[in-house]
PDB file of N, CA and C in Angstrom:
ATOM      1  N   UNK A   1     -18.507  26.429 -26.026  1.00  0.00           N
ATOM      2  CA  UNK A   1     -18.459  27.833 -27.344  1.00  0.00           C
ATOM      3  C   UNK A   1     -19.229  27.245 -28.250  1.00  0.00           C
ATOM      4  N   UNK A   2     -20.394  28.159 -28.711  1.00  0.00           N
ATOM      5  CA  UNK A   2     -21.332  28.047 -29.449  1.00  0.00           C
ATOM      6  C   UNK A   2     -21.055  28.516 -30.478  1.00  0.00           C
ATOM      7  N   UNK A   3     -20.438  27.753 -31.187  1.00  0.00           N
ATOM      8  CA  UNK A   3     -19.600  28.629 -32.653  1.00  0.00           C
ATOM      9  C   UNK A   3     -19.385  28.004 -33.587  1.00  0.00           C
ATOM     10  N   UNK A   4     -20.013  28.056 -34.873  1.00  0.00           N
ATOM     11  CA  UNK A   4     -19.929  27.226 -35.957  1.00  0.00           C
ATOM     12  C   UNK A   4     -18.798  27.188 -36.615  1.00  0.00           C
ATOM     13  N   UNK A   5     -18.430  28.210 -36.324  1.00  0.00           N
ATOM     14  CA  UNK A   5     -16.707  28.705 -36.897  1.00  0.00           C
ATOM     15  C   UNK A   5     -15.805  27.049 -36.707  1.00  0.00           C
ATOM     16  N   UNK A   6     -15.149  27.140 -38.431  1.00  0.00           N
ATOM     17  CA  UNK A   6     -14.415  26.448 -38.083  1.00  0.00           C
ATOM     18  C   UNK A   6     -13.001  26.683 -37.112  1.00  0.00           C
ATOM     19  N   UNK A   7     -12.325  25.393 -36.232  1.00  0.00           N
ATOM     20  CA  UNK A   7     -11.433  25.680 -35.631  1.00  0.00           C
ATOM     21  C   UNK A   7     -10.050  25.382 -36.251  1.00  0.00           C
ATOM     22  N   UNK A   8      -9.127  26.445 -36.783  1.00  0.00           N
ATOM     23  CA  UNK A   8      -8.366  26.253 -37.293  1.00  0.00           C
ATOM     24  C   UNK A   8      -6.762  27.016 -36.964  1.00  0.00           C
ATOM     25  N   UNK A   9      -6.958  28.087 -35.822  1.00  0.00           N
ATOM     26  CA  UNK A   9      -5.897  28.564 -35.030  1.00  0.00           C
ATOM     27  C   UNK A   9      -5.668  27.878 -33.940  1.00  0.00           C
ATOM     28  N   UNK A  10      -4.413  27.988 -33.752  1.00  0.00           N
ATOM     29  CA  UNK A  10      -4.016  26.864 -32.393  1.00  0.00           C
ATOM     30  C   UNK A  10      -3.232  27.794 -31.763  1.00  0.00           C
ATOM     31  N   UNK A  11      -2.932  27.788 -30.258  1.00  0.00           N
ATOM     32  CA  UNK A  11      -2.315  28.469 -29.077  1.00  0.00           C
ATOM     33  C   UNK A  11      -1.769  27.564 -28.568  1.00  0.00           C
ATOM     34  N   UNK A  12      -0.397  27.541 -28.107  1.00  0.00           N
ATOM     35  CA  UNK A  12       0.262  26.868 -26.862  1.00  0.00           C
ATOM     36  C   UNK A  12       0.589  27.516 -26.117  1.00  0.00           C
ATOM     37  N   UNK A  13       0.893  26.874 -24.660  1.00  0.00           N
ATOM     38  CA  UNK A  13       0.967  27.933 -23.428  1.00  0.00           C
ATOM     39  C   UNK A  13       1.579  27.249 -22.164  1.00  0.00           C
ATOM     40  N   UNK A  14       2.672  27.482 -22.003  1.00  0.00           N
ATOM     41  CA  UNK A  14       3.748  27.015 -20.461  1.00  0.00           C
ATOM     42  C   UNK A  14       3.243  27.592 -20.026  1.00  0.00           C
ATOM     43  N   UNK A  15       2.875  26.982 -18.663  1.00  0.00           N
ATOM     44  CA  UNK A  15       2.144  27.343 -17.019  1.00  0.00           C
ATOM     45  C   UNK A  15       2.535  26.314 -16.423  1.00  0.00           C
ATOM     46  N   UNK A  16       2.891  26.653 -14.957  1.00  0.00           N
ATOM     47  CA  UNK A  16       3.128  26.416 -13.647  1.00  0.00           C
ATOM     48  C   UNK A  16       2.572  24.695 -13.348  1.00  0.00           C
ATOM     49  N   UNK A  17       2.591  23.877 -13.206  1.00  0.00           N
ATOM     50  CA  UNK A  17       1.689  22.399 -13.239  1.00  0.00           C
ATOM     51  C   UNK A  17       0.226  22.766 -12.266  1.00  0.00           C
ATOM     52  N   UNK A  18       0.838  23.209 -11.696  1.00  0.00           N
ATOM     53  CA  UNK A  18      -0.277  24.416 -10.467  1.00  0.00           C
ATOM     54  C   UNK A  18      -1.742  24.758 -10.998  1.00  0.00           C
ATOM     55  N   UNK A  19      -1.125  25.905 -12.382  1.00  0.00           N
ATOM     56  CA  UNK A  19      -1.688  26.631 -12.625  1.00  0.00           C
ATOM     57  C   UNK A  19      -2.733  25.842 -14.220  1.00  0.00           C
ATOM     58  N   UNK A  20      -1.974  24.379 -14.531  1.00  0.00           N
ATOM     59  CA  UNK A  20      -3.072  23.363 -15.516  1.00  0.00           C
ATOM     60  C   UNK A  20      -3.707  22.948 -14.453  1.00  0.00           C
ATOM     61  N   UNK A  21      -3.282  22.537 -13.277  1.00  0.00           N
ATOM     62  CA  UNK A  21      -4.393  21.306 -12.564  1.00  0.00           C
ATOM     63  C   UNK A  21      -5.576  22.201 -12.039  1.00  0.00           C
ATOM     64  N   UNK A  22      -5.561  23.370 -11.753  1.00  0.00           N
ATOM     65  CA  UNK A  22      -6.945  24.364 -11.657  1.00  0.00           C
ATOM     66  C   UNK A  22      -7.538  24.506 -12.906  1.00  0.00           C
ATOM     67  N   UNK A  23      -6.982  24.939 -13.891  1.00  0.00           N
ATOM     68  CA  UNK A  23      -7.561  24.564 -15.260  1.00  0.00           C
ATOM     69  C   UNK A  23      -8.283  23.638 -15.492  1.00  0.00           C
ATOM     70  N   UNK A  24      -7.777  22.546 -14.960  1.00  0.00           N
ATOM     71  CA  UNK A  24      -8.134  20.988 -15.520  1.00  0.00           C
ATOM     72  C   UNK A  24      -9.730  20.733 -14.499  1.00  0.00           C
ATOM     73  N   UNK A  25      -9.174  21.062 -13.012  1.00  0.00           N
ATOM     74  CA  UNK A  25     -10.636  21.008 -12.192  1.00  0.00           C
ATOM     75  C   UNK A  25     -11.548  21.897 -12.604  1.00  0.00           C
ATOM     76  N   UNK A  26     -11.045  23.042 -13.115  1.00  0.00           N
ATOM     77  CA  UNK A  26     -12.194  23.826 -13.238  1.00  0.00           C
ATOM     78  C   UNK A  26     -13.077  23.391 -14.693  1.00  0.00           C
ATOM     79  N   UNK A  27     -12.425  23.166 -15.332  1.00  0.00           N
ATOM     80  CA  UNK A  27     -12.918  22.515 -16.824  1.00  0.00           C
ATOM     81  C   UNK A  27     -14.146  21.305 -16.438  1.00  0.00           C
ATOM     82  N   UNK A  28     -13.740  20.385 -15.585  1.00  0.00           N
ATOM     83  CA  UNK A  28     -14.213  19.192 -15.283  1.00  0.00           C
ATOM     84  C   UNK A  28     -15.596  19.587 -14.265  1.00  0.00           C
ATOM     85  N   UNK A  29     -15.109  20.871 -13.585  1.00  0.00           N
ATOM     86  CA  UNK A  29     -16.239  20.908 -12.349  1.00  0.00           C
ATOM     87  C   UNK A  29     -17.639  21.579 -13.519  1.00  0.00           C
ATOM     88  N   UNK A  30     -17.179  22.582 -14.571  1.00  0.00           N
ATOM     89  CA  UNK A  30     -18.356  22.976 -15.728  1.00  0.00           C
ATOM     90  C   UNK A  30     -18.810  21.520 -16.514  1.00  0.00           C
ATOM     91  N   UNK A  31     -18.247  20.657 -16.414  1.00  0.00           N
ATOM     92  CA  UNK A  31     -18.476  19.505 -17.262  1.00  0.00           C
ATOM     93  C   UNK A  31     -18.033  19.932 -19.591  1.00  0.00           C
ATOM     94  N   UNK A  32     -16.747  20.491 -19.216  1.00  0.00           N
ATOM     95  CA  UNK A  32     -16.438  20.607 -20.344  1.00  0.00           C
ATOM     96  C   UNK A  32     -14.965  20.239 -21.042  1.00  0.00           C
ATOM     97  N   UNK A  33     -14.231  19.966 -22.032  1.00  0.00           N
ATOM     98  CA  UNK A  33     -12.960  19.878 -22.152  1.00  0.00           C
ATOM     99  C   UNK A  33     -11.810  20.980 -22.003  1.00  0.00           C
ATOM    100  N   UNK A  34     -10.471  20.458 -21.362  1.00  0.00           N
ATOM    101  CA  UNK A  34      -9.768  21.752 -20.941  1.00  0.00           C
ATOM    102  C   UNK A  34      -9.287  23.106 -21.838  1.00  0.00           C
ATOM    103  N   UNK A  35      -9.742  22.677 -23.122  1.00  0.00           N
ATOM    104  CA  UNK A  35      -9.720  23.254 -24.554  1.00  0.00           C
ATOM    105  C   UNK A  35     -10.543  24.363 -24.258  1.00  0.00           C
ATOM    106  N   UNK A  36     -12.113  23.820 -24.109  1.00  0.00           N
ATOM    107  CA  UNK A  36     -12.927  24.882 -24.455  1.00  0.00           C
ATOM    108  C   UNK A  36     -12.623  25.368 -23.487  1.00  0.00           C
ATOM    109  N   UNK A  37     -12.526  25.204 -22.273  1.00  0.00           N
ATOM    110  CA  UNK A  37     -12.915  26.008 -21.286  1.00  0.00           C
ATOM    111  C   UNK A  37     -11.825  26.890 -21.061  1.00  0.00           C
ATOM    112  N   UNK A  38     -10.778  26.736 -21.377  1.00  0.00           N
ATOM    113  CA  UNK A  38      -9.295  27.817 -21.980  1.00  0.00           C
ATOM    114  C   UNK A  38      -9.752  28.610 -22.687  1.00  0.00           C
ATOM    115  N   UNK A  39     -10.381  28.152 -23.737  1.00  0.00           N
ATOM    116  CA  UNK A  39     -10.837  29.343 -24.980  1.00  0.00           C
ATOM    117  C   UNK A  39     -12.073  29.868 -24.707  1.00  0.00           C
ATOM    118  N   UNK A  40     -12.817  29.813 -24.002  1.00  0.00           N
ATOM    119  CA  UNK A  40     -13.757  30.367 -23.858  1.00  0.00           C
ATOM    120  C   UNK A  40     -13.580  31.091 -22.191  1.00  0.00           C
ATOM    121  N   UNK A  41     -12.956  30.976 -21.735  1.00  0.00           N
ATOM    122  CA  UNK A  41     -12.406  31.871 -20.511  1.00  0.00           C
ATOM    123  C   UNK A  41     -11.548  32.891 -21.243  1.00  0.00           C
ATOM    124  N   UNK A  42     -10.689  32.814 -22.067  1.00  0.00           N
ATOM    125  CA  UNK A  42      -9.818  33.713 -22.446  1.00  0.00           C
ATOM    126  C   UNK A  42     -10.630  34.792 -23.264  1.00  0.00           C
ATOM    127  N   UNK A  43     -11.592  34.106 -24.062  1.00  0.00           N
ATOM    128  CA  UNK A  43     -12.567  34.757 -24.983  1.00  0.00           C
ATOM    129  C   UNK A  43     -12.905  35.862 -23.968  1.00  0.00           C
ATOM    130  N   UNK A  44     -14.092  35.739 -23.460  1.00  0.00           N
ATOM    131  CA  UNK A  44     -14.480  36.145 -22.276  1.00  0.00           C
ATOM    132  C   UNK A  44     -13.615  37.541 -21.913  1.00  0.00           C
ATOM    133  N   UNK A  45     -12.202  37.100 -21.523  1.00  0.00           N
ATOM    134  CA  UNK A  45     -11.713  38.004 -20.625  1.00  0.00           C
ATOM    135  C   UNK A  45     -10.724  39.473 -21.956  1.00  0.00           C
ATOM    136  N   UNK A  46     -10.960  38.279 -22.945  1.00  0.00           N
ATOM    137  CA  UNK A  46     -10.666  39.411 -24.135  1.00  0.00           C
ATOM    138  C   UNK A  46     -11.701  40.235 -24.571  1.00  0.00           C
ATOM    139  N   UNK A  47     -12.873  40.239 -24.321  1.00  0.00           N
ATOM    140  CA  UNK A  47     -13.959  40.867 -24.588  1.00  0.00           C
ATOM    141  C   UNK A  47     -14.071  41.588 -23.547  1.00  0.00           C
ATOM    142  N   UNK A  48     -13.577  41.533 -22.210  1.00  0.00           N
ATOM    143  CA  UNK A  48     -13.863  42.383 -21.447  1.00  0.00           C
ATOM    144  C   UNK A  48     -13.127  43.755 -21.181  1.00  0.00           C
ATOM    145  N   UNK A  49     -11.602  43.020 -21.518  1.00  0.00           N
ATOM    146  CA  UNK A  49     -10.862  44.105 -21.653  1.00  0.00           C
ATOM    147  C   UNK A  49     -10.756  44.901 -22.560  1.00  0.00           C
ATOM    148  N   UNK A  50     -11.372  44.603 -23.689  1.00  0.00           N
ATOM    149  CA  UNK A  50     -11.547  45.476 -25.277  1.00  0.00           C
ATOM    150  C   UNK A  50     -12.605  46.420 -24.931  1.00  0.00           C
ATOM    151  N   UNK A  51     -13.678  46.062 -23.962  1.00  0.00           N
ATOM    152  CA  UNK A  51     -15.045  46.738 -23.611  1.00  0.00           C
ATOM    153  C   UNK A  51     -14.420  47.916 -22.536  1.00  0.00           C
ATOM    154  N   UNK A  52     -13.589  47.496 -21.721  1.00  0.00           N
ATOM    155  CA  UNK A  52     -13.402  48.457 -20.687  1.00  0.00           C
ATOM    156  C   UNK A  52     -12.293  49.827 -21.169  1.00  0.00           C
ATOM    157  N   UNK A  53     -11.821  49.133 -22.763  1.00  0.00           N
ATOM    158  CA  UNK A  53     -10.515  50.124 -22.862  1.00  0.00           C
ATOM    159  C   UNK A  53     -11.128  50.867 -23.798  1.00  0.00           C
ATOM    160  N   UNK A  54     -12.863  50.256 -24.547  1.00  0.00           N
ATOM    161  CA  UNK A  54     -13.472  51.265 -25.503  1.00  0.00           C
ATOM    162  C   UNK A  54     -14.326  52.140 -25.008  1.00  0.00           C
ATOM    163  N   UNK A  55     -14.878  51.693 -23.591  1.00  0.00           N
ATOM    164  CA  UNK A  55     -16.227  52.741 -22.897  1.00  0.00           C
ATOM    165  C   UNK A  55     -15.284  53.963 -21.896  1.00  0.00           C
ATOM    166  N   UNK A  56     -16.116  55.035 -22.253  1.00  0.00           N
ATOM    167  CA  UNK A  56     -15.875  56.223 -21.492  1.00  0.00           C
ATOM    168  C   UNK A  56     -16.714  56.597 -20.485  1.00  0.00           C
ATOM    169  N   UNK A  57     -15.874  56.596 -18.837  1.00  0.00           N
ATOM    170  CA  UNK A  57     -16.347  56.344 -17.963  1.00  0.00           C
ATOM    171  C   UNK A  57     -16.687  58.058 -17.517  1.00  0.00           C
ATOM    172  N   UNK A  58     -18.018  58.393 -17.322  1.00  0.00           N
ATOM    173  CA  UNK A  58     -17.622  59.831 -16.498  1.00  0.00           C
ATOM    174  C   UNK A  58     -18.784  60.103 -15.309  1.00  0.00           C
ATOM    175  N   UNK A  59     -18.165  61.013 -14.961  1.00  0.00           N
ATOM    176  CA  UNK A  59     -18.719  61.383 -13.549  1.00  0.00           C
ATOM    177  C   UNK A  59     -19.721  62.427 -13.576  1.00  0.00           C
ATOM    178  N   UNK A  60     -21.146  62.118 -12.592  1.00  0.00           N
ATOM    179  CA  UNK A  60     -21.922  63.485 -12.773  1.00  0.00           C
ATOM    180  C   UNK A  60     -21.907  64.501 -13.495  1.00  0.00           C
ATOM    181  N   UNK A  61     -21.345  65.039 -12.754  1.00  0.00           N
ATOM    182  CA  UNK A  61     -20.526  66.600 -13.619  1.00  0.00           C
ATOM    183  C   UNK A  61     -20.525  66.519 -14.728  1.00  0.00           C
ATOM    184  N   UNK A  62     -19.245  65.756 -15.030  1.00  0.00           N
ATOM    185  CA  UNK A  62     -18.667  65.395 -16.723  1.00  0.00           C
ATOM    186  C   UNK A  62     -19.746  65.265 -17.422  1.00  0.00           C
ATOM    187  N   UNK A  63     -21.256  64.183 -16.770  1.00  0.00           N
ATOM    188  CA  UNK A  63     -21.781  64.060 -17.862  1.00  0.00           C
ATOM    189  C   UNK A  63     -23.211  65.184 -18.042  1.00  0.00           C
ATOM    190  N   UNK A  64     -23.313  65.737 -16.895  1.00  0.00           N
ATOM    191  CA  UNK A  64     -23.975  66.742 -17.315  1.00  0.00           C
ATOM    192  C   UNK A  64     -23.461  67.902 -17.978  1.00  0.00           C
ATOM    193  N   UNK A  65     -22.249  68.852 -17.775  1.00  0.00           N
ATOM    194  CA  UNK A  65     -21.131  69.476 -18.708  1.00  0.00           C
ATOM    195  C   UNK A  65     -21.484  69.085 -20.079  1.00  0.00           C
ATOM    196  N   UNK A  66     -20.935  67.679 -20.487  1.00  0.00           N
ATOM    197  CA  UNK A  66     -21.006  66.716 -22.082  1.00  0.00           C
ATOM    198  C   UNK A  66     -22.757  67.049 -22.326  1.00  0.00           C
ATOM    199  N   UNK A  67     -23.484  66.760 -21.949  1.00  0.00           N
ATOM    200  CA  UNK A  67     -24.862  67.153 -22.515  1.00  0.00           C
ATOM    201  C   UNK A  67     -25.349  68.598 -22.404  1.00  0.00           C
ATOM    202  N   UNK A  68     -25.341  69.173 -21.298  1.00  0.00           N
ATOM    203  CA  UNK A  68     -24.665  70.760 -21.585  1.00  0.00           C
ATOM    204  C   UNK A  68     -24.160  71.807 -23.332  1.00  0.00           C
ATOM    205  N   UNK A  69     -23.244  71.002 -23.487  1.00  0.00           N
ATOM    206  CA  UNK A  69     -22.054  70.998 -24.523  1.00  0.00           C
ATOM    207  C   UNK A  69     -23.183  70.922 -25.846  1.00  0.00           C
ATOM    208  N   UNK A  70     -23.553  69.589 -25.462  1.00  0.00           N
ATOM    209  CA  UNK A  70     -24.407  69.360 -26.682  1.00  0.00           C
ATOM    210  C   UNK A  70     -25.572  69.974 -26.872  1.00  0.00           C
ATOM    211  N   UNK A  71     -26.254  70.154 -25.544  1.00  0.00           N
ATOM    212  CA  UNK A  71     -27.939  71.099 -25.931  1.00  0.00           C
ATOM    213  C   UNK A  71     -27.254  72.619 -26.348  1.00  0.00           C
ATOM    214  N   UNK A  72     -26.174  73.145 -25.799  1.00  0.00           N
ATOM    215  CA  UNK A  72     -25.789  74.837 -25.855  1.00  0.00           C
ATOM    216  C   UNK A  72     -24.445  74.188 -26.042  1.00  0.00           C
ATOM    217  N   UNK A  73     -24.105  74.337 -27.757  1.00  0.00           N
ATOM    218  CA  UNK A  73     -23.314  74.567 -28.034  1.00  0.00           C
ATOM    219  C   UNK A  73     -22.495  75.984 -28.134  1.00  0.00           C
ATOM    220  N   UNK A  74     -20.987  76.110 -28.000  1.00  0.00           N
ATOM    221  CA  UNK A  74     -20.535  77.567 -28.132  1.00  0.00           C
ATOM    222  C   UNK A  74     -20.768  77.736 -29.667  1.00  0.00           C
ATOM    223  N   UNK A  75     -20.913  79.218 -29.551  1.00  0.00           N
ATOM    224  CA  UNK A  75     -20.802  79.840 -31.006  1.00  0.00           C
ATOM    225  C   UNK A  75     -19.519  79.333 -31.792  1.00  0.00           C
ATOM    226  N   UNK A  76     -19.783  79.195 -33.649  1.00  0.00           N
ATOM    227  CA  UNK A  76     -18.689  78.967 -34.254  1.00  0.00           C
ATOM    228  C   UNK A  76     -17.414  80.072 -34.269  1.00  0.00           C
ATOM    229  N   UNK A  77     -15.948  79.627 -33.786  1.00  0.00           N
ATOM    230  CA  UNK A  77     -15.171  80.652 -33.580  1.00  0.00           C
ATOM    231  C   UNK A  77     -14.913  80.653 -35.346  1.00  0.00           C
ATOM    232  N   UNK A  78     -13.931  82.020 -35.544  1.00  0.00           N
ATOM    233  CA  UNK A  78     -13.480  82.532 -36.816  1.00  0.00           C
ATOM    234  C   UNK A  78     -12.148  81.497 -37.040  1.00  0.00           C
ATOM    235  N   UNK A  79     -11.738  80.859 -36.122  1.00  0.00           N
ATOM    236  CA  UNK A  79     -10.513  79.782 -36.379  1.00  0.00           C
ATOM    237  C   UNK A  79     -11.455  78.297 -36.796  1.00  0.00           C
ATOM    238  N   UNK A  80     -11.863  78.328 -35.980  1.00  0.00           N
ATOM    239  CA  UNK A  80     -13.244  76.787 -36.653  1.00  0.00           C
ATOM    240  C   UNK A  80     -13.672  76.852 -37.939  1.00  0.00           C
ATOM    241  N   UNK A  81     -13.873  77.976 -38.481  1.00  0.00           N
ATOM    242  CA  UNK A  81     -14.497  78.744 -39.911  1.00  0.00           C
ATOM    243  C   UNK A  81     -13.325  77.886 -40.580  1.00  0.00           C
ATOM    244  N   UNK A  82     -12.331  78.919 -40.194  1.00  0.00           N
ATOM    245  CA  UNK A  82     -10.875  78.864 -41.288  1.00  0.00           C
ATOM    246  C   UNK A  82     -10.615  77.474 -41.666  1.00  0.00           C
ATOM    247  N   UNK A  83     -10.432  76.760 -40.110  1.00  0.00           N
ATOM    248  CA  UNK A  83     -10.239  75.313 -39.937  1.00  0.00           C
ATOM    249  C   UNK A  83     -11.276  74.304 -41.491  1.00  0.00           C
ATOM    250  N   UNK A  84     -12.244  74.517 -41.170  1.00  0.00           N
ATOM    251  CA  UNK A  84     -13.221  74.069 -41.928  1.00  0.00           C
ATOM    252  C   UNK A  84     -13.344  74.317 -43.290  1.00  0.00           C
ATOM    253  N   UNK A  85     -12.809  75.704 -43.779  1.00  0.00           N
ATOM    254  CA  UNK A  85     -12.512  75.691 -44.950  1.00  0.00           C
ATOM    255  C   UNK A  85     -11.124  75.352 -45.628  1.00  0.00           C
ATOM    256  N   UNK A  86     -10.029  75.099 -44.705  1.00  0.00           N
ATOM    257  CA  UNK A  86      -8.717  74.247 -45.568  1.00  0.00           C
ATOM    258  C   UNK A  86      -9.673  72.891 -45.508  1.00  0.00           C
ATOM    259  N   UNK A  87     -10.091  72.698 -44.575  1.00  0.00           N
ATOM    260  CA  UNK A  87     -10.388  71.016 -44.802  1.00  0.00           C
ATOM    261  C   UNK A  87     -11.138  70.505 -45.863  1.00  0.00           C
ATOM    262  N   UNK A  88     -12.523  71.473 -46.641  1.00  0.00           N
ATOM    263  CA  UNK A  88     -12.861  71.149 -47.593  1.00  0.00           C
ATOM    264  C   UNK A  88     -11.667  71.356 -48.747  1.00  0.00           C
ATOM    265  N   UNK A  89     -11.192  72.850 -48.358  1.00  0.00           N
ATOM    266  CA  UNK A  89     -10.005  72.929 -49.821  1.00  0.00           C
ATOM    267  C   UNK A  89      -8.767  71.257 -49.729  1.00  0.00           C
ATOM    268  N   UNK A  90      -8.603  70.965 -48.622  1.00  0.00           N
ATOM    269  CA  UNK A  90      -7.612  69.809 -48.924  1.00  0.00           C
ATOM    270  C   UNK A  90      -7.948  68.467 -48.924  1.00  0.00           C
ATOM    271  N   UNK A  91      -8.880  68.325 -47.928  1.00  0.00           N
ATOM    272  CA  UNK A  91      -9.630  67.053 -47.593  1.00  0.00           C
ATOM    273  C   UNK A  91     -10.441  66.911 -48.918  1.00  0.00           C
ATOM    274  N   UNK A  92     -11.324  67.621 -49.645  1.00  0.00           N
ATOM    275  CA  UNK A  92     -11.966  67.380 -50.078  1.00  0.00           C
ATOM    276  C   UNK A  92     -12.425  68.542 -51.214  1.00  0.00           C
ATOM    277  N   UNK A  93     -11.724  68.671 -52.476  1.00  0.00           N
ATOM    278  CA  UNK A  93     -11.189  69.537 -53.737  1.00  0.00           C
ATOM    279  C   UNK A  93     -12.533  69.288 -54.044  1.00  0.00           C
ATOM    280  N   UNK A  94     -13.268  70.220 -54.563  1.00  0.00           N
ATOM    281  CA  UNK A  94     -14.809  69.849 -56.002  1.00  0.00           C
ATOM    282  C   UNK A  94     -13.923  69.907 -57.150  1.00  0.00           C
TER     283      UNK A  94
END
């Protein structure tokens, strides 16, 4: 973990002995401490989980429909004009 950020937070975890031995072995194979291996692996997993949650995947046809809507937007409806006016009056009064 190549971070100069001070290490002040802690985490404790209970696990089966077999999992502990597996983590120790993996850390040794990478020439890292168990703590460094666990923290780096957890960070990578957390970043991946967050990225998967935040990224929207569209099919090719959905991508085409999205691009078409951006390039050729539908005309503004009366309901949208009224909503924009209400927003301006309520949220951004002059």
